[in-house]
Structure formats: structure tokens, C-alpha cells
C-alpha atoms as a PDB file:
ATOM      1  CA  MET A   1    -104.053 -36.931  72.530  1.00  0.00           C
ATOM      2  CA  ILE A   2    -101.047 -38.163  72.671  1.00  0.00           C
ATOM      3  CA  LEU A   3     -98.520 -37.283  75.969  1.00  0.00           C
ATOM      4  CA  LYS A   4     -95.363 -38.452  76.221  1.00  0.00           C
ATOM      5  CA  SER A   5     -94.501 -39.920  79.897  1.00  0.00           C
ATOM      6  CA  TYR A   6     -91.905 -37.579  80.505  1.00  0.00           C
ATOM      7  CA  GLU A   7     -94.249 -34.526  80.320  1.00  0.00           C
ATOM      8  CA  PHE A   8     -97.048 -36.041  82.611  1.00  0.00           C
ATOM      9  CA  ASN A   9     -95.240 -34.620  85.578  1.00  0.00           C
ATOM     10  CA  LYS A  10     -95.792 -31.246  84.282  1.00  0.00           C
ATOM     11  CA  PHE A  11     -99.517 -32.010  82.736  1.00  0.00           C
ATOM     12  CA  ASP A  12    -102.458 -30.211  83.936  1.00  0.00           C
ATOM     13  CA  PHE A  13    -104.866 -33.238  85.872  1.00  0.00           C
ATOM     14  CA  ASN A  14    -107.633 -30.902  85.140  1.00  0.00           C
ATOM     15  CA  LYS A  15    -107.233 -30.479  81.786  1.00  0.00           C
ATOM     16  CA  CYS A  16    -108.428 -34.164  80.970  1.00  0.00           C
ATOM     17  CA  ASP A  17    -111.110 -36.379  82.259  1.00  0.00           C
ATOM     18  CA  PHE A  18    -110.045 -39.587  80.313  1.00  0.00           C
ATOM     19  CA  TYR A  19    -106.674 -41.029  80.457  1.00  0.00           C
ATOM     20  CA  LEU A  20    -105.353 -44.416  79.082  1.00  0.00           C
ATOM     21  CA  LEU A  21    -101.885 -45.186  80.625  1.00  0.00           C
ATOM     22  CA  TYR A  22    -100.567 -48.265  78.672  1.00  0.00           C
ATOM     23  CA  GLY A  23     -96.942 -49.726  78.481  1.00  0.00           C
ATOM     24  CA  GLU A  24     -94.213 -51.949  80.115  1.00  0.00           C
ATOM     25  CA  ASN A  25     -93.170 -49.489  82.807  1.00  0.00           C
ATOM     26  CA  GLU A  26     -95.904 -50.685  85.539  1.00  0.00           C
ATOM     27  CA  GLY A  27     -94.023 -48.942  88.582  1.00  0.00           C
ATOM     28  CA  PHE A  28     -93.692 -45.774  86.968  1.00  0.00           C
ATOM     29  CA  LYS A  29     -97.291 -45.672  85.953  1.00  0.00           C
ATOM     30  CA  GLN A  30     -98.373 -46.478  89.477  1.00  0.00           C
ATOM     31  CA  GLU A  31     -95.940 -43.962  91.016  1.00  0.00           C
ATOM     32  CA  ILE A  32     -97.780 -41.449  88.530  1.00  0.00           C
ATOM     33  CA  ILE A  33    -101.182 -42.694  89.718  1.00  0.00           C
ATOM     34  CA  LYS A  34    -100.224 -42.422  93.791  1.00  0.00           C
ATOM     35  CA  THR A  35     -98.241 -39.477  93.494  1.00  0.00           C
ATOM     36  CA  LYS A  36    -100.516 -37.437  91.431  1.00  0.00           C
ATOM     37  CA  ILE A  37    -103.867 -38.667  91.561  1.00  0.00           C
ATOM     38  CA  ASN A  38    -104.173 -40.484  94.419  1.00  0.00           C
ATOM     39  CA  LYS A  39    -103.751 -37.220  96.708  1.00  0.00           C
ATOM     40  CA  ARG A  40    -106.633 -35.037  95.169  1.00  0.00           C
ATOM     41  CA  TYR A  41    -109.386 -38.736  95.089  1.00  0.00           C
ATOM     42  CA  ASN A  42    -109.193 -39.360  98.695  1.00  0.00           C
ATOM     43  CA  GLU A  43    -111.854 -41.459  98.901  1.00  0.00           C
ATOM     44  CA  ASN A  44    -113.956 -41.241  95.672  1.00  0.00           C
ATOM     45  CA  ILE A  45    -111.811 -43.917  94.420  1.00  0.00           C
ATOM     46  CA  TYR A  46    -112.966 -46.442  92.647  1.00  0.00           C
ATOM     47  CA  ARG A  47    -110.605 -49.802  90.858  1.00  0.00           C
ATOM     48  CA  TYR A  48    -112.278 -52.101  88.149  1.00  0.00           C
ATOM     49  CA  ASP A  49    -110.750 -54.500  86.177  1.00  0.00           C
ATOM     50  CA  GLU A  50    -111.870 -55.216  82.487  1.00  0.00           C
ATOM     51  CA  LYS A  51    -113.060 -58.266  83.294  1.00  0.00           C
ATOM     52  CA  GLN A  52    -115.296 -57.169  85.790  1.00  0.00           C
ATOM     53  CA  ILE A  53    -116.724 -54.232  83.945  1.00  0.00           C
ATOM     54  CA  LEU A  54    -117.522 -56.670  81.410  1.00  0.00           C
ATOM     55  CA  ASP A  55    -119.183 -59.603  83.459  1.00  0.00           C
ATOM     56  CA  ASN A  56    -121.450 -56.857  85.229  1.00  0.00           C
ATOM     57  CA  LEU A  57    -122.184 -53.609  82.633  1.00  0.00           C
ATOM     58  CA  GLU A  58    -124.852 -53.001  84.890  1.00  0.00           C
ATOM     59  CA  ASN A  59    -123.477 -52.138  88.688  1.00  0.00           C
ATOM     60  CA  PHE A  60    -120.409 -49.983  86.417  1.00  0.00           C
ATOM     61  CA  TYR A  61    -122.944 -48.050  84.888  1.00  0.00           C
ATOM     62  CA  ASN A  62    -124.785 -47.215  88.163  1.00  0.00           C
ATOM     63  CA  THR A  63    -121.535 -46.029  90.384  1.00  0.00           C
ATOM     64  CA  ILE A  64    -120.766 -43.879  87.393  1.00  0.00           C
ATOM     65  CA  LEU A  65    -124.218 -42.274  87.289  1.00  0.00           C
ATOM     66  CA  SER A  66    -125.284 -42.270  90.515  1.00  0.00           C
ATOM     67  CA  ASN A  67    -124.055 -39.065  92.252  1.00  0.00           C
ATOM     68  CA  SER A  68    -124.000 -38.935  96.458  1.00  0.00           C
ATOM     69  CA  PHE A  69    -124.786 -35.986  98.151  1.00  0.00           C
ATOM     70  CA  PHE A  70    -120.701 -36.423 100.028  1.00  0.00           C
ATOM     71  CA  GLU A  71    -118.734 -36.801  96.599  1.00  0.00           C
ATOM     72  CA  ASN A  72    -118.077 -33.925  94.354  1.00  0.00           C
ATOM     73  CA  GLU A  73    -116.053 -35.894  92.489  1.00  0.00           C
ATOM     74  CA  LYS A  74    -115.467 -39.847  91.131  1.00  0.00           C
ATOM     75  CA  LEU A  75    -112.205 -41.556  90.395  1.00  0.00           C
ATOM     76  CA  ILE A  76    -112.929 -44.756  88.208  1.00  0.00           C
ATOM     77  CA  ILE A  77    -109.378 -46.524  87.672  1.00  0.00           C
ATOM     78  CA  ILE A  78    -110.000 -49.313  85.521  1.00  0.00           C
ATOM     79  CA  SER A  79    -106.980 -52.263  85.294  1.00  0.00           C
ATOM     80  CA  ARG A  80    -106.070 -54.501  82.540  1.00  0.00           C
ATOM     81  CA  ALA A  81    -108.143 -53.155  79.588  1.00  0.00           C
ATOM     82  CA  THR A  82    -107.711 -53.990  76.525  1.00  0.00           C
ATOM     83  CA  ASP A  83    -109.418 -53.238  73.286  1.00  0.00           C
ATOM     84  CA  LYS A  84    -112.463 -55.629  74.334  1.00  0.00           C
ATOM     85  CA  ILE A  85    -113.810 -52.305  76.941  1.00  0.00           C
ATOM     86  CA  LYS A  86    -113.301 -50.020  74.090  1.00  0.00           C
ATOM     87  CA  ASP A  87    -117.141 -49.462  73.421  1.00  0.00           C
ATOM     88  CA  THR A  88    -117.852 -49.139  76.963  1.00  0.00           C
ATOM     89  CA  ILE A  89    -115.696 -46.119  77.367  1.00  0.00           C
ATOM     90  CA  GLU A  90    -116.838 -44.808  74.255  1.00  0.00           C
ATOM     91  CA  GLU A  91    -120.531 -44.822  75.539  1.00  0.00           C
ATOM     92  CA  VAL A  92    -118.816 -43.195  79.048  1.00  0.00           C
ATOM     93  CA  TYR A  93    -117.399 -40.658  76.954  1.00  0.00           C
ATOM     94  CA  GLU A  94    -120.120 -39.227  74.788  1.00  0.00           C
ATOM     95  CA  LYS A  95    -122.286 -39.220  77.667  1.00  0.00           C
ATOM     96  CA  ASN A  96    -120.216 -36.304  79.233  1.00  0.00           C
ATOM     97  CA  ILE A  97    -120.843 -36.997  82.681  1.00  0.00           C
ATOM     98  CA  GLU A  98    -119.713 -34.243  84.820  1.00  0.00           C
ATOM     99  CA  ASN A  99    -117.241 -34.690  88.399  1.00  0.00           C
ATOM    100  CA  LEU A 100    -115.706 -37.900  86.417  1.00  0.00           C
ATOM    101  CA  LYS A 101    -112.072 -39.377  85.620  1.00  0.00           C
ATOM    102  CA  ILE A 102    -111.312 -42.676  83.969  1.00  0.00           C
ATOM    103  CA  ILE A 103    -107.965 -43.656  84.480  1.00  0.00           C
ATOM    104  CA  ILE A 104    -107.980 -46.934  82.099  1.00  0.00           C
ATOM    105  CA  ILE A 105    -104.417 -48.673  82.595  1.00  0.00           C
ATOM    106  CA  SER A 106    -103.349 -51.455  80.142  1.00  0.00           C
ATOM    107  CA  GLY A 107    -100.359 -53.104  79.230  1.00  0.00           C
ATOM    108  CA  ILE A 108     -98.644 -52.528  75.463  1.00  0.00           C
ATOM    109  CA  LEU A 109    -100.618 -51.999  73.099  1.00  0.00           C
ATOM    110  CA  GLU A 110    -100.353 -52.012  69.567  1.00  0.00           C
ATOM    111  CA  LYS A 111    -100.348 -49.102  66.897  1.00  0.00           C
ATOM    112  CA  LYS A 112    -104.203 -51.076  65.367  1.00  0.00           C
ATOM    113  CA  SER A 113    -105.449 -51.183  68.757  1.00  0.00           C
ATOM    114  CA  LYS A 114    -108.598 -49.644  68.970  1.00  0.00           C
ATOM    115  CA  LEU A 115    -108.614 -48.091  72.092  1.00  0.00           C
ATOM    116  CA  ARG A 116    -105.219 -46.615  71.438  1.00  0.00           C
ATOM    117  CA  ASN A 117    -106.211 -45.170  68.613  1.00  0.00           C
ATOM    118  CA  PHE A 118    -110.077 -43.473  70.190  1.00  0.00           C
ATOM    119  CA  PHE A 119    -107.721 -41.794  72.528  1.00  0.00           C
ATOM    120  CA  GLU A 120    -105.358 -40.745  70.366  1.00  0.00           C
ATOM    121  CA  LYS A 121    -106.905 -38.989  67.675  1.00  0.00           C
ATOM    122  CA  ASN A 122    -109.162 -37.196  70.295  1.00  0.00           C
ATOM    123  CA  LYS A 123    -108.373 -33.867  71.504  1.00  0.00           C
ATOM    124  CA  LYS A 124    -109.692 -33.849  74.904  1.00  0.00           C
ATOM    125  CA  ILE A 125    -108.444 -37.191  75.999  1.00  0.00           C
ATOM    126  CA  ALA A 126    -104.982 -37.921  76.829  1.00  0.00           C
ATOM    127  CA  CYS A 127    -102.971 -41.632  76.346  1.00  0.00           C
ATOM    128  CA  VAL A 128     -99.747 -41.850  77.849  1.00  0.00           C
ATOM    129  CA  ALA A 129     -97.023 -44.319  76.225  1.00  0.00           C
ATOM    130  CA  PHE A 130     -94.811 -45.827  79.728  1.00  0.00           C
ATOM    131  CA  TYR A 131     -92.242 -47.388  78.260  1.00  0.00           C
ATOM    132  CA  PRO A 132     -88.803 -49.029  80.266  1.00  0.00           C
END
């Protein structure tokens, strides 16, 4: 599902579990995360770089699949994402894990990008472009 960045403020964050935020406007992406997302997930936010995940996939899967008695929901924020992480994200999406939201933050992605195409063609996940 493709969303416009100006529509994101009105969008119900509970509708989707996976979000791709891409584009040049880093300030607006960070503002959305602070105002819309961080308030809801105070303690259960896990931040990764794409490189950290690809270097240690087992640790990433352990974080996602393990549930603590005190955690209701988890939020995973992946920064500096590229097409390299597409297969991992697709695998996590297919597992349909409850109480998990994943936000992927990326720079500019071309139309041919596999990651961007995965998010744009699927109706249950959201893709938001942030341009200056």
C-alpha cells in the first residue's frame, strides 16, 4: 500500500505491521517516528542498522521471536536499509508474528528497488515516500 507522507499523520498506525519510510527528508521521517510511534512503544523499541541484522541474523530472529511476559508489543526500527534486507523482511512477514511492528527507514530507493516493490504491491503493509 502506498501512502503519501502528508496522509501519514491521519493514517491509523494499527492498520499495518510493516512500514517502509524512504526518501531524502530525514527530518520528517524522524519527526513521524517521534510523534506517532515512540509515544506508544516506550520501552519495547529495538533499533538496528541493516548491517547489524545481516551480520547477525540469528540474534535478530531471537529478538523478534522471543516474547517476554512484560512485553505486549515490540517495535523494530531498521535504519539505512537497502535491497539486501528484502529477503529477511519477507521471511519475517510470512511468519505473521503477532504484536510486532517493523519500521524500515531507507534513503532514496529507485522504482526498480526490490524492497520498494515488495512494500508497494502488498496491501497489508505500507510504503511512504518522504521528499523535500
